[in-house]
Protein backbone atom coordinates (compact mmCIF):
# COMPACT_ATOMS: atom_id res chain seq x y z
CA MET A 1 -49.95 8.71 1.12
CA ALA A 2 -46.93 11.23 0.79
CA ALA A 3 -43.54 9.58 0.32
CA SER A 4 -41.17 9.96 3.46
CA SER A 5 -38.55 12.61 3.15
CA THR A 6 -36.07 10.78 5.28
CA ASN A 7 -33.39 8.50 3.97
CA PRO A 8 -34.35 4.84 4.74
CA TYR A 9 -30.48 3.95 4.70
CA SER A 10 -29.91 6.56 7.50
CA GLU A 11 -32.91 5.19 9.56
CA ALA A 12 -31.19 1.79 9.18
CA GLY A 13 -28.06 3.14 10.77
CA VAL A 14 -25.63 3.92 7.85
CA ASP A 15 -24.58 7.32 7.67
CA THR A 16 -23.15 7.89 3.89
CA ALA A 17 -22.41 11.71 4.62
CA ALA A 18 -20.22 10.67 7.51
CA GLY A 19 -18.30 8.34 5.19
CA ASP A 20 -17.76 11.14 2.70
CA ARG A 21 -16.45 13.41 5.50
CA ALA A 22 -13.92 10.65 6.77
CA VAL A 23 -12.79 10.62 3.04
CA GLU A 24 -12.24 14.11 3.04
CA LEU A 25 -10.33 14.03 6.33
CA MET A 26 -8.03 11.37 5.32
CA LYS A 27 -7.11 12.53 1.71
CA THR A 28 -4.06 14.64 2.57
CA SER A 29 -2.47 11.82 4.57
CA VAL A 30 -3.16 9.18 1.78
CA ARG A 31 -1.89 11.44 -1.03
CA ALA A 32 1.37 12.08 0.94
CA THR A 33 2.24 8.23 0.44
CA HIS A 34 1.85 8.70 -3.48
CA GLY A 35 4.72 8.85 -5.82
CA PRO A 36 4.40 9.43 -9.71
CA GLU A 37 3.77 5.69 -9.99
CA VAL A 38 0.45 5.96 -8.36
CA LEU A 39 -2.53 7.13 -10.68
CA GLY A 40 -6.10 8.11 -10.28
CA GLY A 41 -5.93 9.90 -6.71
CA VAL A 42 -7.95 8.96 -3.86
CA GLY A 43 -11.74 7.64 -3.96
CA GLY A 44 -11.55 5.60 -7.21
CA PHE A 45 -12.90 2.00 -7.41
CA ALA A 46 -9.44 0.47 -7.85
CA GLY A 47 -5.95 1.88 -7.18
CA LEU A 48 -3.68 2.01 -10.03
CA PHE A 49 -0.05 1.63 -9.90
CA ASP A 50 2.61 1.99 -12.80
CA ALA A 51 4.37 -1.20 -13.10
CA SER A 52 6.89 0.04 -15.65
CA ALA A 53 9.64 -0.40 -12.94
CA LEU A 54 9.23 -4.18 -13.26
CA LEU A 55 10.72 -3.95 -16.56
CA SER A 56 14.22 -3.15 -15.27
CA TYR A 57 13.95 -6.72 -13.48
CA THR A 58 15.25 -9.82 -15.07
CA LYS A 59 12.61 -12.25 -13.29
CA PRO A 60 10.66 -10.09 -11.00
CA LEU A 61 8.52 -11.93 -8.44
CA LEU A 62 5.56 -10.29 -6.80
CA ALA A 63 5.28 -10.77 -2.98
CA THR A 64 1.86 -10.17 -1.02
CA SER A 65 0.81 -10.37 2.57
CA THR A 66 -2.41 -9.53 4.29
CA ASP A 67 -3.07 -9.32 7.99
CA GLY A 68 -5.02 -7.29 10.65
CA VAL A 69 -3.95 -5.78 14.17
CA GLY A 70 -6.21 -8.24 16.28
CA THR A 71 -7.67 -7.52 19.72
CA LYS A 72 -5.26 -4.56 20.39
CA VAL A 73 -7.86 -2.50 18.78
CA ALA A 74 -10.13 -3.12 21.92
CA ILE A 75 -7.68 -1.15 24.00
CA ALA A 76 -7.61 1.79 21.39
CA GLN A 77 -11.31 1.68 21.53
CA ALA A 78 -11.43 1.63 25.41
CA ILE A 79 -9.31 4.75 25.78
CA ASP A 80 -10.54 6.44 22.71
CA LYS A 81 -6.98 6.75 21.13
CA HIS A 82 -6.75 5.74 17.34
CA ASP A 83 -3.79 7.33 15.92
CA THR A 84 -1.19 4.43 16.48
CA ILE A 85 -3.32 1.45 15.34
CA GLY A 86 -2.39 2.36 11.76
CA GLN A 87 1.17 1.78 12.35
CA ASP A 88 0.22 -1.62 13.90
CA LEU A 89 -1.39 -2.55 10.75
CA VAL A 90 1.51 -1.54 8.45
CA GLY A 91 3.82 -3.33 10.59
CA MET A 92 1.89 -6.56 10.51
CA VAL A 93 1.54 -6.40 6.87
CA VAL A 94 4.54 -4.76 5.34
CA ASP A 95 7.15 -6.31 7.45
CA ASP A 96 6.12 -9.74 6.28
CA ILE A 97 6.84 -8.78 2.78
CA VAL A 98 10.43 -7.91 3.73
CA VAL A 99 11.02 -11.35 5.15
CA VAL A 100 11.56 -12.77 1.55
CA GLY A 101 13.92 -9.71 0.71
CA ALA A 102 10.98 -7.92 -1.28
CA LYS A 103 10.60 -4.02 -1.42
CA PRO A 104 6.98 -3.08 -0.78
CA LEU A 105 5.26 -1.28 -3.48
CA PHE A 106 1.57 -0.54 -2.51
CA MET A 107 -1.16 -1.32 0.13
CA THR A 108 -4.66 -1.33 0.52
CA ASP A 109 -6.53 -1.22 3.86
CA TYR A 110 -10.25 -2.10 5.18
CA ILE A 111 -11.94 -0.60 8.24
CA ALA A 112 -15.15 -2.33 9.30
CA CYS A 113 -17.21 -0.15 12.02
CA GLY A 114 -20.25 0.08 13.77
CA LYS A 115 -20.73 3.67 13.25
CA VAL A 116 -18.44 5.90 10.86
CA VAL A 117 -17.13 8.77 13.24
CA PRO A 118 -15.06 10.70 10.58
CA GLU A 119 -12.32 11.85 12.99
CA ARG A 120 -11.80 8.41 14.29
CA ILE A 121 -11.54 6.90 10.81
CA ALA A 122 -9.24 9.80 9.88
CA ASP A 123 -6.93 8.92 12.84
CA ILE A 124 -6.85 5.49 11.77
CA VAL A 125 -5.97 5.99 8.15
CA ARG A 126 -3.50 8.78 9.17
CA GLY A 127 -1.55 6.26 11.04
CA ILE A 128 -1.68 3.91 8.18
CA ALA A 129 -0.45 6.49 5.89
CA ASP A 130 2.23 7.85 7.94
CA ALA A 131 3.52 4.26 8.31
CA CYS A 132 3.24 3.71 4.66
CA THR A 133 5.45 6.51 4.07
CA ALA A 134 8.03 5.36 6.69
CA THR A 135 8.07 2.05 4.88
CA GLY A 136 8.14 3.36 1.34
CA THR A 137 4.72 2.01 0.62
CA ALA A 138 2.19 3.61 -1.42
CA LEU A 139 -1.40 3.56 0.15
CA VAL A 140 -3.38 3.23 -3.17
CA GLY A 141 -6.76 2.33 -1.89
CA GLY A 142 -9.16 1.21 0.94
CA GLU A 143 -12.64 0.85 2.18
CA THR A 144 -14.55 2.07 5.20
CA ALA A 145 -17.79 -0.15 5.96
CA GLU A 146 -20.17 0.80 8.29
CA HIS A 147 -21.98 -2.23 9.91
CA PRO A 148 -24.72 -1.22 12.35
CA GLY A 149 -26.38 -4.17 14.33
CA LEU A 150 -23.26 -6.20 13.60
CA LEU A 151 -20.79 -4.02 15.49
CA GLY A 152 -21.25 -1.54 18.52
CA PRO A 153 -21.12 2.14 17.55
CA ASP A 154 -17.72 2.41 19.15
CA ASP A 155 -16.37 -0.86 17.65
CA TYR A 156 -14.10 -1.34 14.52
CA ASP A 157 -11.68 -3.65 13.14
CA VAL A 158 -8.82 -2.99 10.51
CA ALA A 159 -7.13 -5.15 8.02
CA GLY A 160 -4.86 -4.74 5.07
CA ALA A 161 -2.89 -6.31 2.06
CA ALA A 162 0.38 -5.15 0.56
CA THR A 163 2.37 -6.20 -2.55
CA GLY A 164 5.93 -6.02 -2.94
CA ILE A 165 8.68 -6.86 -5.62
CA VAL A 166 11.87 -8.92 -5.44
CA GLU A 167 14.36 -10.36 -8.04
CA ALA A 168 14.13 -14.09 -8.29
CA ASP A 169 17.59 -14.84 -7.37
CA ALA A 170 17.57 -12.38 -4.58
CA VAL A 171 14.59 -14.28 -2.52
CA LEU A 172 15.55 -14.87 1.14
CA GLY A 173 14.74 -18.31 2.60
CA ALA A 174 15.72 -21.26 4.46
CA ASP A 175 17.35 -22.82 1.36
CA ARG A 176 20.09 -20.27 1.73
CA VAL A 177 20.84 -21.00 5.40
CA GLN A 178 24.12 -22.85 6.14
CA ASP A 179 25.74 -24.50 9.00
CA GLY A 180 27.42 -21.78 11.35
CA ASP A 181 25.28 -19.09 10.26
CA VAL A 182 24.50 -16.44 12.99
CA VAL A 183 21.13 -15.60 14.10
CA LEU A 184 20.71 -12.04 15.15
CA ALA A 185 17.88 -10.77 17.11
CA LEU A 186 16.53 -7.14 16.45
CA ALA A 187 14.80 -5.58 19.47
CA SER A 188 11.09 -4.81 19.54
CA SER A 189 9.31 -1.74 20.66
CA GLY A 190 7.23 -3.85 23.00
CA LEU A 191 4.34 -6.34 22.40
CA HIS A 192 3.78 -5.18 18.88
CA SER A 193 0.58 -6.71 17.81
CA ASN A 194 0.48 -10.24 19.12
CA GLY A 195 -0.77 -11.75 22.17
CA TYR A 196 -3.41 -9.02 23.29
CA SER A 197 -6.13 -11.57 24.27
CA LEU A 198 -3.70 -12.57 26.82
CA VAL A 199 -2.83 -9.23 28.04
CA ARG A 200 -6.43 -8.03 28.23
CA HIS A 201 -7.07 -11.42 30.13
CA ILE A 202 -4.39 -10.38 32.58
CA ILE A 203 -5.27 -6.81 33.07
CA THR A 204 -8.96 -7.50 33.40
CA GLY A 205 -8.17 -10.39 35.81
CA ALA A 206 -6.11 -7.98 37.88
CA GLY A 207 -8.87 -5.37 38.14
CA ILE A 208 -6.79 -2.74 36.25
CA GLY A 209 -8.49 -0.09 34.04
CA TYR A 210 -6.79 1.22 30.91
CA SER A 211 -6.96 4.56 32.31
CA ASP A 212 -5.32 3.69 35.37
CA GLN A 213 -1.58 4.96 35.72
CA ALA A 214 1.10 2.19 35.12
CA ALA A 215 3.66 3.57 37.71
CA GLU A 216 6.37 1.50 36.16
CA PHE A 217 5.99 3.31 33.00
CA GLY A 218 5.05 6.79 33.72
CA LYS A 219 1.64 6.73 31.61
CA THR A 220 -1.69 5.11 31.72
CA TRP A 221 -1.85 1.32 31.08
CA GLY A 222 -3.65 1.75 27.93
CA GLU A 223 -1.07 4.28 26.53
CA THR A 224 1.51 1.75 27.61
CA LEU A 225 -0.29 -1.02 25.84
CA LEU A 226 -0.69 0.83 22.65
CA GLU A 227 3.08 1.32 22.27
CA PRO A 228 2.99 0.88 18.16
CA THR A 229 4.79 -1.81 16.45
CA ARG A 230 8.48 -1.04 15.06
CA LEU A 231 8.90 -0.78 11.36
CA TYR A 232 11.69 -2.83 10.12
CA THR A 233 11.07 -2.61 6.37
CA LEU A 234 13.55 0.06 5.23
CA PRO A 235 16.18 -0.76 7.73
CA LEU A 236 16.40 -4.23 6.53
CA LEU A 237 16.31 -3.34 2.83
CA ARG A 238 19.11 -0.80 3.53
CA LEU A 239 20.94 -3.68 5.42
CA LEU A 240 20.68 -5.99 2.51
CA GLU A 241 22.18 -3.18 0.27
CA THR A 242 24.99 -2.16 2.68
CA LEU A 243 26.25 -5.81 2.98
CA ARG A 244 25.88 -6.47 -0.86
CA GLN A 245 28.05 -3.43 -1.40
CA ALA A 246 30.57 -4.77 1.01
CA GLN A 247 30.60 -8.09 -0.57
CA GLY A 248 30.78 -7.15 -4.21
CA PRO A 249 27.75 -7.40 -6.97
CA ASN A 250 28.49 -11.01 -7.75
CA GLU A 251 28.46 -12.46 -4.19
CA PRO A 252 25.39 -13.95 -2.83
CA SER A 253 23.52 -12.09 -0.07
CA ALA A 254 25.08 -12.36 3.43
CA VAL A 255 21.51 -12.21 4.81
CA HIS A 256 20.27 -15.64 4.22
CA SER A 257 16.69 -15.49 5.89
CA LEU A 258 14.52 -13.18 7.72
CA SER A 259 11.92 -13.93 10.29
CA HIS A 260 9.16 -11.60 11.68
CA VAL A 261 8.43 -12.63 15.25
CA THR A 262 4.53 -12.32 15.33
CA GLY A 263 2.10 -14.94 16.62
CA GLY A 264 3.57 -18.16 17.84
CA GLY A 265 6.73 -16.44 19.47
CA ILE A 266 10.49 -16.62 18.60
CA ALA A 267 10.96 -20.41 18.35
CA ALA A 268 8.06 -21.01 15.72
CA ASN A 269 8.76 -18.10 13.63
CA LEU A 270 12.69 -18.87 13.60
CA ALA A 271 11.88 -22.65 12.76
CA ARG A 272 9.95 -21.50 9.62
CA VAL A 273 13.01 -19.86 8.19
CA LEU A 274 15.50 -22.70 8.80
CA PRO A 275 15.92 -25.82 6.48
CA VAL A 276 14.76 -29.19 7.54
CA GLY A 277 17.41 -30.94 9.48
CA SER A 278 18.94 -27.69 10.96
CA TRP A 279 18.64 -26.73 14.70
CA ALA A 280 19.36 -23.57 16.62
CA GLU A 281 19.34 -22.81 20.34
CA VAL A 282 18.39 -19.30 21.20
CA ASP A 283 20.22 -18.37 24.29
CA ARG A 284 17.83 -16.35 26.53
CA SER A 285 21.03 -14.96 28.69
CA THR A 286 21.73 -12.62 25.81
CA TRP A 287 18.95 -10.36 26.50
CA SER A 288 16.65 -9.01 29.01
CA PRO A 289 12.80 -9.00 28.13
CA SER A 290 11.44 -5.65 28.00
CA PRO A 291 9.84 -4.21 31.12
CA VAL A 292 6.28 -4.47 29.75
CA PHE A 293 6.55 -8.24 29.68
CA ARG A 294 8.10 -8.64 33.00
CA VAL A 295 5.51 -6.58 34.71
CA LEU A 296 2.67 -8.52 32.78
CA SER A 297 4.08 -11.77 33.87
CA GLU A 298 4.46 -10.63 37.64
CA ILE A 299 0.74 -9.28 37.66
CA SER A 300 -0.38 -12.81 36.11
CA GLY A 301 1.81 -14.92 38.44
CA THR A 302 3.28 -16.86 35.55
CA SER A 303 6.72 -17.10 34.13
CA LEU A 304 8.26 -15.38 31.11
CA GLU A 305 8.97 -18.79 29.76
CA SER A 306 5.34 -19.67 29.65
CA THR A 307 4.65 -16.84 27.45
CA GLU A 308 7.31 -17.70 24.99
CA GLY A 309 4.63 -19.01 22.30
CA THR A 310 2.49 -15.93 22.73
CA TRP A 311 4.75 -12.73 22.88
CA ASN A 312 8.05 -11.45 21.17
CA LEU A 313 9.52 -10.88 24.58
CA GLY A 314 11.68 -7.97 23.47
CA ILE A 315 12.73 -9.68 19.88
CA GLY A 316 10.74 -8.28 16.68
CA PHE A 317 12.78 -9.78 14.07
CA LEU A 318 15.37 -12.34 13.36
CA ALA A 319 18.06 -12.35 10.87
CA VAL A 320 20.15 -15.50 9.88
CA ILE A 321 23.28 -13.98 8.31
CA ASP A 322 26.71 -15.33 7.29
CA GLN A 323 28.88 -15.48 10.37
CA ARG A 324 31.50 -13.29 8.86
CA GLN A 325 29.10 -10.44 8.42
CA LYS A 326 27.91 -10.46 12.01
CA ASP A 327 29.67 -7.33 13.19
CA ALA A 328 28.91 -5.35 10.11
CA ALA A 329 25.30 -6.09 10.30
CA ILE A 330 24.96 -5.17 13.89
CA ALA A 331 26.76 -1.85 13.19
CA ALA A 332 24.46 -1.30 10.39
CA LEU A 333 21.36 -1.89 12.28
CA ALA A 334 22.75 0.18 15.35
CA ALA A 335 23.00 3.14 12.61
CA GLU A 336 19.26 2.57 11.91
CA GLY A 337 18.28 2.85 15.76
CA ILE A 338 17.93 -0.90 16.11
CA ASP A 339 19.64 -2.81 18.81
CA ALA A 340 20.73 -6.28 17.33
CA TRP A 341 22.68 -8.86 18.95
CA GLN A 342 23.39 -12.67 18.47
CA VAL A 343 20.93 -15.06 20.06
CA ALA A 344 22.12 -18.53 18.27
CA THR A 345 24.14 -20.28 15.74
CA VAL A 346 22.61 -22.65 13.13
CA GLY A 347 23.92 -26.23 13.25
CA THR A 348 23.19 -28.93 10.70
CA GLY A 349 24.86 -31.79 12.56
CA GLN A 350 23.57 -34.14 15.13
CA ARG A 351 20.97 -32.17 17.35
CA PRO A 352 21.26 -32.07 21.02
CA ALA A 353 18.81 -34.14 22.96
CA GLY A 354 15.69 -32.82 24.26
CA GLU A 355 12.50 -31.13 22.84
CA PHE A 356 12.58 -28.57 20.09
CA GLU A 357 9.77 -26.84 18.10
CA GLU A 358 10.04 -28.09 14.44
CA GLY A 359 8.50 -26.00 11.76
CA ALA A 360 5.24 -23.94 12.30
CA LYS A 361 2.20 -22.97 10.43
CA GLY A 362 2.26 -25.60 7.75
CA VAL A 363 6.05 -25.13 7.06
CA ASP A 364 8.49 -28.19 7.37
CA GLY A 365 11.46 -26.07 8.75
CA GLY A 366 14.29 -26.47 11.22
CA ALA A 367 14.19 -27.08 14.95
CA VAL A 368 14.46 -24.50 17.59
CA ARG A 369 14.33 -24.16 21.29
CA LEU A 370 15.00 -21.36 23.65
CA VAL A 371 17.85 -22.24 26.54
CA GLY A 372 19.03 -20.86 29.77
CA ALA A 373 17.71 -18.12 31.71
CA TYR A 374 17.05 -14.42 30.92
CA ALA A 375 19.38 -11.69 31.76
CA ASP A 376 18.29 -9.59 34.75
CA GLY A 377 19.51 -6.08 33.54
CA ALA A 378 18.20 -4.22 30.26
CA LYS A 379 19.85 -5.20 27.32
């Protein structure tokens, strides 16, 4: 019997030629993230990064983080728009590294899909690469895996991991926080990449399609909900440097701890970067949650307060700083295009009566609660 001329792997649903085509389409974007410290180009089994720069550190610590985008990808798939998901991935991964004061060095990504559509994969990776460039991160490697039978032809998921570096005596954290420190809120660009299971539940329950026009926003619901995650890494690194220069080289950092407001909301994430025994009351009256949060709450018939453990409600990052540097920090962030304002003051004395959220995700941290009513107007 003559041997079949067909490719049995293709018959099983895996198109290796499409994978090669996707790599060709993404090469230019990936290479744009590479500086002279990246060796080996695109397509190797492992990415190489010259670590000679670490020799200039007294005690260099490597910081690492890994994450995905979550069910936000379902909306991208629903409206066939994939050029912003990459920024969401980088924001979720790299912005976790800057929390400890680390500068990102490099990142890798992983895309699992039911069928490789080269143009779609290239759109995703282009978004990752552009965001890596915007955060000073080299995209040194990645993997695209085709899983027919496990995922539908239009289904995919993305994940990534990044590594950064920080001097040991410059690590930010709860141990630096002091009584009277100011908590600054940094405005988010919208939902970022958390709470989309709730978002999708609300939209589906209301009978809204992602291609339907959202009159409040002047575009479709899908486009509104795909607003990409704001990238904070370089603005925060520049803030650290600006305040350091203002204080003098031998003074401790005026920024004591940072918190990335992701899953769990404002209170839980702030509590993670406050010391045990400290507390903070976040004043809702200092800002008005972005319209997307208000509209979704109105559609679902729920209060904004009930979503505080799910959405960022307009605050993407929190910075705990020396109260003497509050105005300088707000001005520096404004120069970066980021609105910032004071939402709380850290206390270490007797805590007010009532319920607080204490620590989160295994961290024995401080205690935080939100108080008051949200402002009506735009911040």
